[in-house]
Each structure stands twice: as structure tokens, then as C-alpha cells.
Protein backbone atom coordinates (compact mmCIF):
# COMPACT_ATOMS: atom_id res chain seq x y z
CA MET A 1 3.08 -5.23 -20.90
CA ASN A 2 1.11 -7.60 -18.68
CA GLY A 3 -1.40 -5.73 -16.48
CA ALA A 4 -0.37 -7.66 -13.36
CA LEU A 5 3.28 -6.78 -13.92
CA GLU A 6 2.48 -3.11 -14.38
CA TYR A 7 0.38 -3.16 -11.21
CA LEU A 8 3.31 -4.64 -9.25
CA ARG A 9 5.79 -2.15 -10.66
CA VAL A 10 3.58 0.68 -9.44
CA GLN A 11 2.50 -0.82 -6.10
CA VAL A 12 5.66 -2.42 -4.72
CA PRO A 13 7.88 0.69 -4.51
CA THR A 14 5.15 2.68 -2.72
CA ALA A 15 3.82 -0.04 -0.42
CA GLY A 16 4.64 -0.17 3.25
CA PRO A 17 5.59 -3.47 4.90
CA LEU A 18 1.98 -4.56 5.45
CA GLY A 19 1.12 -3.57 1.89
CA LEU A 20 3.96 -5.77 0.65
CA VAL A 21 2.63 -8.68 2.69
CA ILE A 22 -0.77 -8.17 1.11
CA LEU A 23 0.81 -8.13 -2.35
CA LEU A 24 2.58 -11.40 -1.55
CA TYR A 25 -0.71 -12.90 -0.38
CA ASP A 26 -2.27 -11.76 -3.67
CA THR A 27 0.55 -13.56 -5.48
CA LEU A 28 -0.13 -16.72 -3.44
CA LEU A 29 -3.79 -16.53 -4.34
CA ARG A 30 -2.95 -16.14 -8.03
CA ASP A 31 -0.62 -19.13 -7.81
CA CYS A 32 -3.32 -21.24 -6.14
CA ARG A 33 -5.91 -20.21 -8.73
CA ARG A 34 -3.56 -21.00 -11.60
CA ALA A 35 -2.54 -24.33 -10.06
CA ARG A 36 -6.22 -25.21 -9.64
CA GLU A 37 -6.95 -24.27 -13.25
CA ALA A 38 -3.95 -26.30 -14.45
CA THR A 39 -5.18 -29.27 -12.43
CA LEU A 40 -8.63 -29.05 -13.98
CA CYS A 41 -7.03 -28.91 -17.46
CA GLY A 42 -4.63 -31.77 -16.73
CA ASP A 43 -1.60 -29.52 -17.25
CA VAL A 44 0.91 -31.12 -14.87
CA GLU A 45 3.83 -28.89 -15.86
CA ARG A 46 1.91 -25.67 -15.31
CA ARG A 47 0.56 -26.96 -12.00
CA ALA A 48 4.10 -27.76 -10.84
CA THR A 49 5.33 -24.33 -11.90
CA GLU A 50 2.57 -22.55 -9.99
CA VAL A 51 3.07 -24.65 -6.86
CA SER A 52 6.82 -24.08 -6.99
CA HIS A 53 6.26 -20.35 -7.21
CA ALA A 54 3.79 -20.41 -4.33
CA LEU A 55 6.35 -22.26 -2.22
CA VAL A 56 8.93 -19.55 -2.96
CA VAL A 57 6.46 -16.86 -1.88
CA LEU A 58 5.66 -18.77 1.31
CA GLN A 59 9.37 -19.06 2.05
CA GLU A 60 9.79 -15.31 1.56
CA LEU A 61 6.96 -14.61 3.98
CA GLN A 62 8.13 -17.17 6.52
CA GLY A 63 11.76 -16.13 6.26
CA ARG A 64 10.89 -12.57 7.27
CA LEU A 65 9.18 -13.52 10.54
CA ASP A 66 10.75 -12.11 13.70
CA PHE A 67 10.24 -14.74 16.39
CA THR A 68 11.61 -12.47 19.11
CA ALA A 69 8.65 -10.11 18.74
CA GLY A 70 5.85 -12.38 19.99
CA ASP A 71 3.32 -15.08 19.26
CA VAL A 72 2.12 -13.61 15.97
CA ALA A 73 5.27 -14.78 14.18
CA ARG A 74 4.92 -18.33 15.52
CA GLN A 75 1.26 -18.48 14.53
CA LEU A 76 2.03 -17.20 11.04
CA SER A 77 4.87 -19.70 10.71
CA ASP A 78 2.46 -22.51 11.60
CA PHE A 79 -0.02 -21.13 9.06
CA TYR A 80 2.63 -21.03 6.34
CA ASP A 81 3.64 -24.62 7.18
CA THR A 82 0.00 -25.68 6.90
CA VAL A 83 -0.49 -23.93 3.56
CA ARG A 84 2.77 -25.43 2.26
CA ALA A 85 1.63 -28.94 3.22
CA LEU A 86 -1.79 -28.35 1.66
CA LEU A 87 -0.25 -27.14 -1.61
CA LEU A 88 2.08 -30.11 -1.78
CA GLU A 89 -0.76 -32.53 -1.08
CA ALA A 90 -2.97 -30.80 -3.65
CA SER A 91 -0.21 -31.12 -6.23
CA LEU A 92 0.53 -34.73 -5.39
CA ARG A 93 -3.14 -35.72 -5.55
CA ALA A 94 -3.92 -33.40 -8.46
CA SER A 95 -6.77 -32.04 -6.37
CA ALA A 96 -8.49 -28.85 -7.48
CA GLU A 97 -10.48 -28.99 -4.24
CA LEU A 98 -7.34 -28.87 -2.10
CA PHE A 99 -5.99 -25.93 -4.10
CA GLN A 100 -9.28 -24.17 -3.43
CA ARG A 101 -9.01 -24.93 0.31
CA ALA A 102 -5.51 -23.40 0.33
CA ALA A 103 -6.81 -20.32 -1.48
CA ASP A 104 -9.70 -20.00 0.97
CA ALA A 105 -7.33 -20.13 3.96
CA ILE A 106 -5.00 -17.58 2.37
CA THR A 107 -7.95 -15.30 1.64
CA VAL A 108 -9.01 -15.29 5.30
CA VAL A 109 -5.53 -14.33 6.52
CA ARG A 110 -5.10 -11.80 3.71
CA SER A 111 -8.34 -10.14 4.85
CA ALA A 112 -6.90 -9.88 8.36
CA TRP A 113 -3.77 -8.20 6.98
CA THR A 114 -5.92 -5.75 5.02
CA ALA A 115 -7.97 -4.95 8.11
CA ALA A 116 -4.79 -4.50 10.16
CA GLU A 117 -3.34 -2.14 7.59
CA GLN A 118 -6.51 -0.03 7.53
CA ASP A 119 -7.72 -0.17 11.12
CA LEU A 120 -4.87 -0.49 13.56
CA PRO A 121 -3.42 2.60 15.20
CA ASP A 122 0.11 3.38 14.07
CA ALA A 123 1.74 1.92 17.22
CA GLN A 124 -0.07 -1.41 16.86
CA THR A 125 0.66 -1.55 13.15
CA ALA A 126 4.36 -0.96 13.86
CA ALA A 127 4.39 -3.78 16.45
CA LEU A 128 2.68 -6.16 14.04
CA GLN A 129 5.13 -5.24 11.30
CA ARG A 130 8.09 -5.96 13.61
CA SER A 131 6.87 -9.46 14.44
CA ALA A 132 5.51 -10.50 11.07
CA VAL A 133 7.46 -8.72 8.37
CA SER A 134 10.90 -8.03 9.74
CA GLY A 135 13.21 -6.68 7.09
CA LEU A 136 10.55 -6.48 4.40
CA ALA A 137 10.77 -3.00 2.93
CA PRO A 138 9.85 -1.65 -0.46
CA SER A 139 12.77 -1.36 -2.81
CA ALA A 140 13.52 -1.35 -6.48
CA GLU A 141 15.07 -4.81 -6.04
CA LEU A 142 11.90 -6.21 -4.46
CA ALA A 143 9.77 -4.58 -7.16
CA GLU A 144 11.87 -6.28 -9.83
CA GLU A 145 11.76 -9.60 -7.99
CA ALA A 146 7.99 -9.37 -7.53
CA SER A 147 7.58 -8.61 -11.21
CA GLN A 148 9.55 -11.72 -12.09
CA TRP A 149 7.46 -13.83 -9.72
CA SER A 150 4.28 -13.02 -11.57
CA ALA A 151 5.63 -13.40 -15.07
């Protein structure tokens, strides 16, 4: 079995909402890295597959935002729109540099999620979860879906 798939099968069912967001960001980063590598190798089909997958992950993240809970959701939505546009432009131009810029931006926000998960008091973490990851809860279905995403 693929090591990444095994990791997801173990992590997804036990992760809290912020942990799931971090796992989705990890998936985005993997997609960007693979799309960049495909671009450098001239593999158009693989690049398109990776970008398509990244767009699905972005949609999952964006679709879970709760805009009634504050500005965080709007800011994240804008970020996801920006990353989406950058990925599409990178694919269209076959630009490894633009894929790297997308990965760099995702890495910065992923680091913020990691810090939030580790450092925020429980009440602040709960408020952040409500605005940014509404309805995202660990489940066997999500674990299976996440495993398929990374295949």
C-alpha cells in the first residue's frame, strides 16, 4: 500500500476539524509539487490531473466556509480564489515558477493553521473552526474520499 494512503487512513478518522484542514492543505501542496514536476518533464496529462485534483480540494475547503461567522471565512475565500487563479494560470502557461508560487502561498497559510491548532485556547480554536471549516468532521467517508484523492 502507498505510504501516503496509509497515512491518510490513520490520520483522517482521528483528526479534528483543523487537523483535517491541515491534511487538505498537505494534499494541495502535494498536487502543486506534482504539477510542477510534470511541467518540468513536459507531461501535460499529469499536470492537468494534478491541477484538477487541486481545484477539487480548493472547492472542498471553500465550500465549507461559514460566512456568517466573521471575516476569516471571507479572507480564506479570497485566498482560495487567488490560489485557484494562480494554478489555472500556471497550467495554462506551463509555468513551474507559478506552481511554486502557489505552493509557497499555501505553505504560509498551512503554517498559520498549524499554529492555530497548537497555540489557540480551546474557545478561540472553536470560533475559528466555526468560521473556516463548518461541517468538516472526521468520518469514515471522508477518510475514504481523502484516500482516493491522493491515489
